[in-house]
Amino acid sequence: MNNKKITMNEIAKLVGVSQATVSRAINAPEKVKPYLREKIYSYIEKYNFLPNENAKSMRGVKSKILGLILFDLSNQFYLETIKYAEKVARKIGYTLILMNSEKDSKLELENIKILLSRNVEGILIAPVDNNNLKFLKETTSVPFVIINNFINNYPCVYTSTVKGGEIACDFLIKNNHKKIAYIGNLSNQTTEKFQGILKSFKKNNLSLNFLEKINFDTSKMDKIQLENYFSKNTFSSTGIIASNDEVAYLFLQSLEKIDKDFLKTMTLVGFDNTIISSLLNFSSIEQPIEELIEKSIEILFSKKNTSLSVELIPKLIIRN
């Protein structure tokens, strides 16, 4: 019974009470004897029973609601994702419920359970914990799609960050930058961007001696990290690739530590093509967010390809 969504009636049979008693334990617990209430709750927890607060007994009624679970609403990329998700959902007649997991696995699981209780027809998720994806897959028939990441054996729509790193580096090499720096936290997808840079170096027969790697903790996002680096190291790279536009902005803020004449020879490339790169007029790798959302929702409503993955190719937006 753990592998399917259990019903309120099945919970009642397991406990040996009526369905009405289970309903009261959920909606009016003070009306149910404590020992009985605890017994009901133990089965609810054991089988991950998720009551649909809108229509517990209305099978087949569509809610016209989609859920979106993100883990970092301070990230400009995800703010853009929300905008397009609402736009696409509205276009097809759906309401979007947004949940923020704040990079917390337990909170992410709670968000999933809340959305399921709201009878959502599908969930788009940028996950924190793969175990929560397993919970979704094994305890409910509600379709879900992972966005902006590839995880094997799950439906995913994501942009190739390896290709993004390669495109950015190719652009700098084409514009005669012989020494290139990468600024970012060398973990997860940021590592994939760096792998793309390595591919570009190999393709263009450049020695890795001309690649400068500046490890930057993106969980802190402060320019002091960069200022400390520049105060202790001689910086001579003329082509700079930042792991996202916010890191690129912090790099620009920390330039007091670098010779002003040298700065005139530099070209900066960010990632995500947010309003930051537009306002500050530097080039940036653009992820096709609207296409990402459209493809994700298309997979949600598809009866086939439950493990389908779609890789999108980014493009470079060139500015002065």
Protein backbone atom coordinates (compact mmCIF):
# COMPACT_ATOMS: atom_id res chain seq x y z
CA MET A 1 0.00 0.00 0.00
CA ASN A 2 3.07 2.25 0.42
CA ASN A 3 3.56 2.42 -3.34
CA LYS A 4 0.21 4.01 -4.11
CA LYS A 5 -1.79 6.91 -2.81
CA ILE A 6 -3.89 5.56 0.06
CA THR A 7 -7.48 6.75 0.52
CA MET A 8 -9.30 7.97 3.60
CA ASN A 9 -11.57 4.92 3.41
CA GLU A 10 -8.54 2.58 3.50
CA ILE A 11 -7.15 4.43 6.53
CA ALA A 12 -10.54 3.95 8.23
CA LYS A 13 -10.50 0.19 7.56
CA LEU A 14 -6.96 -0.15 8.92
CA VAL A 15 -7.89 1.64 12.14
CA GLY A 16 -11.30 -0.04 12.41
CA VAL A 17 -13.39 3.13 12.42
CA SER A 18 -15.70 4.90 10.00
CA GLN A 19 -14.46 7.23 7.27
CA ALA A 20 -16.28 10.04 9.07
CA THR A 21 -14.13 9.45 12.18
CA VAL A 22 -10.93 9.74 10.14
CA SER A 23 -12.25 12.95 8.60
CA ARG A 24 -13.01 14.35 12.08
CA ALA A 25 -9.51 13.41 13.29
CA ILE A 26 -8.08 15.50 10.46
CA ASN A 27 -10.47 18.44 10.42
CA ALA A 28 -11.80 18.56 14.01
CA PRO A 29 -9.35 16.54 16.16
CA GLU A 30 -10.84 17.76 19.44
CA LYS A 31 -13.97 15.71 18.63
CA VAL A 32 -12.04 12.41 18.51
CA LYS A 33 -10.76 10.54 21.58
CA PRO A 34 -6.99 11.02 22.02
CA TYR A 35 -6.04 7.32 21.85
CA LEU A 36 -8.09 6.87 18.65
CA ARG A 37 -6.76 10.10 17.17
CA GLU A 38 -3.17 8.98 17.75
CA LYS A 39 -3.87 5.62 16.11
CA ILE A 40 -5.31 7.36 13.05
CA TYR A 41 -2.34 9.74 12.90
CA SER A 42 0.11 6.84 13.07
CA TYR A 43 -1.42 5.30 9.93
CA ILE A 44 -1.58 8.69 8.22
CA GLU A 45 2.15 9.14 8.83
CA LYS A 46 3.03 5.54 7.94
CA TYR A 47 1.32 5.69 4.56
CA ASN A 48 1.98 9.38 3.82
CA PHE A 49 -1.75 10.02 3.54
CA LEU A 50 -2.31 13.47 2.04
CA PRO A 51 -5.93 14.64 2.32
CA ASN A 52 -7.10 16.90 -0.47
CA GLU A 53 -8.42 19.92 1.38
CA ASN A 54 -10.42 21.14 -1.60
CA ALA A 55 -12.18 18.01 -2.71
CA LYS A 56 -11.53 14.92 -0.60
CA SER A 57 -14.27 12.87 -2.22
CA MET A 58 -14.46 14.50 -5.67
CA ARG A 59 -12.51 12.16 -7.91
CA GLY A 60 -11.85 13.30 -11.48
CA VAL A 61 -12.43 17.00 -10.78
CA LYS A 62 -9.52 19.07 -12.12
CA SER A 63 -8.19 21.80 -9.85
CA LYS A 64 -6.52 23.80 -12.66
CA ILE A 65 -3.64 24.43 -10.24
CA LEU A 66 0.08 23.87 -10.78
CA GLY A 67 2.78 23.98 -8.10
CA LEU A 68 6.22 25.54 -8.43
CA ILE A 69 8.87 24.72 -5.80
CA LEU A 70 12.11 26.70 -5.87
CA PHE A 71 14.98 26.70 -3.39
CA ASP A 72 16.35 30.25 -3.65
CA LEU A 73 14.10 33.23 -4.27
CA SER A 74 17.03 35.62 -3.79
CA ASN A 75 18.50 34.36 -7.07
CA GLN A 76 17.61 36.60 -10.00
CA PHE A 77 17.33 33.60 -12.33
CA TYR A 78 14.58 32.07 -10.22
CA LEU A 79 12.72 35.38 -10.02
CA GLU A 80 12.66 35.31 -13.83
CA THR A 81 11.51 31.68 -13.67
CA ILE A 82 8.52 32.68 -11.50
CA LYS A 83 7.54 35.40 -13.95
CA TYR A 84 7.49 33.04 -16.93
CA ALA A 85 5.87 30.18 -15.01
CA GLU A 86 2.97 32.44 -14.04
CA LYS A 87 2.73 33.70 -17.62
CA VAL A 88 2.62 30.22 -19.18
CA ALA A 89 0.24 28.84 -16.53
CA ARG A 90 -2.14 31.75 -17.01
CA LYS A 91 -2.04 31.29 -20.78
CA ILE A 92 -3.35 27.71 -20.44
CA GLY A 93 -5.94 28.64 -17.80
CA TYR A 94 -4.09 27.47 -14.69
CA THR A 95 -3.29 29.08 -11.35
CA LEU A 96 0.27 28.77 -10.03
CA ILE A 97 1.14 28.18 -6.37
CA LEU A 98 4.71 29.15 -5.48
CA MET A 99 6.62 27.46 -2.64
CA ASN A 100 10.10 28.42 -1.39
CA SER A 101 12.24 25.64 0.09
CA GLU A 102 15.07 27.95 1.19
CA LYS A 103 17.61 25.19 0.44
CA ASP A 104 16.06 23.14 3.28
CA SER A 105 15.24 19.47 2.62
CA LYS A 106 12.60 19.21 5.35
CA LEU A 107 10.89 22.39 4.22
CA GLU A 108 10.92 21.10 0.66
CA LEU A 109 9.11 17.93 1.74
CA GLU A 110 6.53 19.99 3.62
CA ASN A 111 6.02 22.13 0.53
CA ILE A 112 5.44 19.01 -1.56
CA LYS A 113 2.85 17.72 0.90
CA ILE A 114 1.07 21.08 1.00
CA LEU A 115 0.84 21.20 -2.79
CA LEU A 116 -0.48 17.64 -2.94
CA SER A 117 -3.11 18.51 -0.35
CA ARG A 118 -4.19 21.37 -2.61
CA ASN A 119 -4.94 18.86 -5.37
CA VAL A 120 -2.41 20.30 -7.82
CA GLU A 121 -2.38 18.71 -11.25
CA GLY A 122 1.39 18.91 -11.57
CA ILE A 123 4.54 20.20 -9.90
CA LEU A 124 7.60 21.94 -11.32
CA ILE A 125 10.50 21.63 -8.90
CA ALA A 126 14.10 22.82 -8.58
CA PRO A 127 14.99 20.22 -5.94
CA VAL A 128 17.11 20.38 -2.81
CA ASP A 129 17.02 16.66 -1.95
CA ASN A 130 16.66 13.68 -4.29
CA ASN A 131 14.92 11.72 -1.52
CA ASN A 132 12.00 14.13 -1.80
CA LEU A 133 11.76 13.30 -5.49
CA LYS A 134 11.62 9.62 -4.55
CA PHE A 135 8.77 10.44 -2.15
CA LEU A 136 6.89 12.18 -4.96
CA LYS A 137 7.44 9.31 -7.36
CA GLU A 138 6.45 6.53 -4.95
CA THR A 139 3.55 8.04 -2.99
CA THR A 140 1.52 9.95 -5.56
CA SER A 141 0.41 9.84 -9.17
CA VAL A 142 0.73 13.62 -9.52
CA PRO A 143 3.21 14.30 -12.36
CA PHE A 144 6.28 16.43 -11.70
CA VAL A 145 9.18 17.78 -13.73
CA ILE A 146 12.59 18.87 -12.49
CA ILE A 147 13.60 22.27 -13.84
CA ASN A 148 17.08 23.68 -14.40
CA ASN A 149 18.84 20.46 -13.42
CA PHE A 150 19.45 16.95 -14.75
CA ILE A 151 18.80 14.02 -12.41
CA ASN A 152 18.88 10.54 -13.93
CA ASN A 153 15.59 8.57 -14.19
CA TYR A 154 13.41 11.63 -13.59
CA PRO A 155 11.71 13.96 -16.08
CA CYS A 156 13.92 17.04 -16.41
CA VAL A 157 14.15 20.19 -18.50
CA TYR A 158 17.43 22.03 -18.15
CA THR A 159 19.88 24.25 -19.96
CA SER A 160 23.29 22.83 -20.82
CA THR A 161 25.58 24.79 -18.52
CA VAL A 162 28.54 22.90 -20.00
CA LYS A 163 27.63 24.39 -23.37
CA GLY A 164 27.15 27.78 -21.74
CA GLY A 165 30.68 27.73 -20.33
CA GLU A 166 32.05 26.64 -23.69
CA ILE A 167 30.20 29.40 -25.57
CA ALA A 168 31.42 32.07 -23.13
CA CYS A 169 35.02 30.91 -23.37
CA ASP A 170 34.93 30.58 -27.18
CA PHE A 171 33.74 34.19 -27.36
CA LEU A 172 36.62 35.47 -25.24
CA ILE A 173 39.21 33.44 -27.16
CA LYS A 174 37.80 34.68 -30.47
CA ASN A 175 38.25 38.23 -29.18
CA ASN A 176 41.95 37.61 -28.54
CA HIS A 177 41.87 37.06 -24.78
CA LYS A 178 44.76 34.71 -24.10
CA LYS A 179 44.38 34.53 -20.32
CA ILE A 180 40.93 33.78 -18.92
CA ALA A 181 39.60 33.70 -15.36
CA TYR A 182 36.59 31.83 -14.05
CA ILE A 183 34.90 33.12 -10.87
CA GLY A 184 32.48 30.78 -9.11
CA ASN A 185 31.82 28.10 -6.53
CA LEU A 186 33.25 24.94 -8.05
CA SER A 187 30.37 22.66 -7.11
CA ASN A 188 27.20 21.31 -8.72
CA GLN A 189 26.16 23.14 -11.90
CA THR A 190 28.93 25.70 -11.48
CA THR A 191 31.37 22.85 -12.06
CA GLU A 192 29.58 22.08 -15.33
CA LYS A 193 30.21 25.65 -16.50
CA PHE A 194 33.88 25.17 -15.70
CA GLN A 195 33.89 21.88 -17.64
CA GLY A 196 32.61 23.84 -20.64
CA ILE A 197 35.52 26.27 -20.27
CA LEU A 198 37.94 23.33 -20.21
CA LYS A 199 36.36 21.99 -23.42
CA SER A 200 36.87 25.36 -25.08
CA PHE A 201 40.53 25.48 -24.01
CA LYS A 202 41.14 22.02 -25.44
CA LYS A 203 39.28 22.79 -28.67
CA ASN A 204 41.29 25.99 -29.17
CA ASN A 205 44.62 24.36 -28.23
CA LEU A 206 45.21 26.68 -25.27
CA SER A 207 47.35 25.65 -22.31
CA LEU A 208 45.56 25.44 -18.96
CA ASN A 209 48.39 27.59 -17.61
CA PHE A 210 46.39 30.50 -19.06
CA LEU A 211 43.26 29.63 -17.09
CA GLU A 212 42.82 31.33 -13.71
CA LYS A 213 40.38 29.73 -11.29
CA ILE A 214 38.90 31.93 -8.54
CA ASN A 215 36.86 29.90 -6.08
CA PHE A 216 33.93 32.01 -4.85
CA ASP A 217 31.41 30.90 -2.21
CA THR A 218 28.08 31.88 -3.77
CA SER A 219 26.22 31.11 -0.54
CA LYS A 220 27.79 34.24 0.98
CA MET A 221 27.69 36.56 -2.04
CA ASP A 222 29.94 39.35 -0.78
CA LYS A 223 32.66 41.25 -2.62
CA ILE A 224 35.10 40.87 0.30
CA GLN A 225 35.99 37.40 -0.99
CA LEU A 226 37.13 38.92 -4.28
CA GLU A 227 38.86 41.89 -2.67
CA ASN A 228 40.86 39.49 -0.51
CA TYR A 229 41.85 37.48 -3.57
CA PHE A 230 42.98 40.56 -5.51
CA SER A 231 44.96 41.88 -2.54
CA LYS A 232 46.92 38.62 -2.29
CA ASN A 233 47.26 37.64 -5.97
CA THR A 234 48.45 39.31 -9.14
CA PHE A 235 45.44 39.39 -11.44
CA SER A 236 46.33 39.43 -15.13
CA SER A 237 43.39 37.71 -16.86
CA THR A 238 41.74 39.89 -19.51
CA GLY A 239 38.77 37.59 -20.17
CA ILE A 240 36.52 36.98 -17.16
CA ILE A 241 33.66 34.48 -16.88
CA ALA A 242 31.46 34.76 -13.78
CA SER A 243 29.22 31.89 -12.67
CA ASN A 244 26.19 34.20 -12.73
CA ASP A 245 25.35 37.88 -13.21
CA GLU A 246 25.32 38.57 -9.47
CA VAL A 247 28.89 37.29 -9.13
CA ALA A 248 29.83 39.43 -12.15
CA TYR A 249 28.34 42.47 -10.39
CA LEU A 250 30.36 41.76 -7.23
CA PHE A 251 33.46 41.41 -9.39
CA LEU A 252 32.84 44.88 -10.85
CA GLN A 253 32.38 46.27 -7.34
CA SER A 254 35.72 44.88 -6.20
CA LEU A 255 37.81 46.35 -9.01
CA GLU A 256 39.44 49.04 -6.83
CA LYS A 257 42.13 46.48 -6.08
CA ILE A 258 43.04 46.20 -9.78
CA ASP A 259 45.04 48.64 -11.91
CA LYS A 260 42.60 50.97 -13.72
CA ASP A 261 44.50 50.94 -17.04
CA PHE A 262 44.48 47.17 -17.03
CA LEU A 263 40.68 47.16 -16.66
CA LYS A 264 40.29 48.76 -20.09
CA THR A 265 41.61 45.58 -21.70
CA MET A 266 39.11 43.30 -19.95
CA THR A 267 35.90 41.65 -21.18
CA LEU A 268 33.36 40.28 -18.69
CA VAL A 269 30.79 37.53 -19.37
CA GLY A 270 28.11 36.60 -16.84
CA PHE A 271 25.43 33.89 -16.75
CA ASP A 272 21.61 34.06 -16.85
CA ASN A 273 21.27 37.40 -18.72
CA THR A 274 19.32 39.04 -15.90
CA ILE A 275 18.48 42.71 -15.52
CA ILE A 276 21.88 43.11 -13.81
CA SER A 277 23.87 42.43 -16.99
CA SER A 278 21.46 44.59 -18.99
CA LEU A 279 21.82 47.60 -16.66
CA LEU A 280 25.60 47.25 -16.25
CA ASN A 281 26.08 46.52 -19.96
CA PHE A 282 28.18 43.34 -19.87
CA SER A 283 27.70 40.21 -21.98
CA SER A 284 25.89 37.23 -20.47
CA ILE A 285 24.86 33.68 -21.28
CA GLU A 286 21.07 33.55 -21.61
CA GLN A 287 19.08 30.50 -20.57
CA PRO A 288 15.81 30.13 -22.52
CA ILE A 289 13.60 30.34 -19.40
CA GLU A 290 10.27 30.66 -21.19
CA GLU A 291 11.05 27.64 -23.39
CA LEU A 292 12.19 25.75 -20.28
CA ILE A 293 8.84 26.39 -18.58
CA GLU A 294 6.81 25.60 -21.70
CA LYS A 295 8.63 22.28 -22.23
CA SER A 296 8.27 21.40 -18.55
CA ILE A 297 4.52 21.95 -18.56
CA GLU A 298 4.22 20.06 -21.85
CA ILE A 299 5.89 17.05 -20.20
CA LEU A 300 3.66 17.41 -17.12
CA PHE A 301 0.55 16.87 -19.21
CA SER A 302 2.06 14.14 -21.38
CA LYS A 303 0.87 10.62 -20.57
CA LYS A 304 4.13 9.19 -21.90
CA ASN A 305 7.84 9.83 -21.35
CA THR A 306 7.69 9.88 -17.55
CA SER A 307 11.51 9.93 -17.46
CA LEU A 308 11.96 12.20 -20.47
CA SER A 309 14.77 14.75 -20.25
CA VAL A 310 15.09 17.79 -22.48
CA GLU A 311 18.37 19.67 -22.76
CA LEU A 312 18.17 23.25 -24.00
CA ILE A 313 21.05 25.19 -25.53
CA PRO A 314 21.87 28.65 -24.15
CA LYS A 315 23.03 31.63 -26.20
CA LEU A 316 25.37 34.54 -25.62
CA ILE A 317 23.91 38.05 -25.42
CA ILE A 318 26.78 40.31 -26.47
CA ARG A 319 27.09 43.79 -24.99
CA ASN A 320 29.90 46.36 -24.82
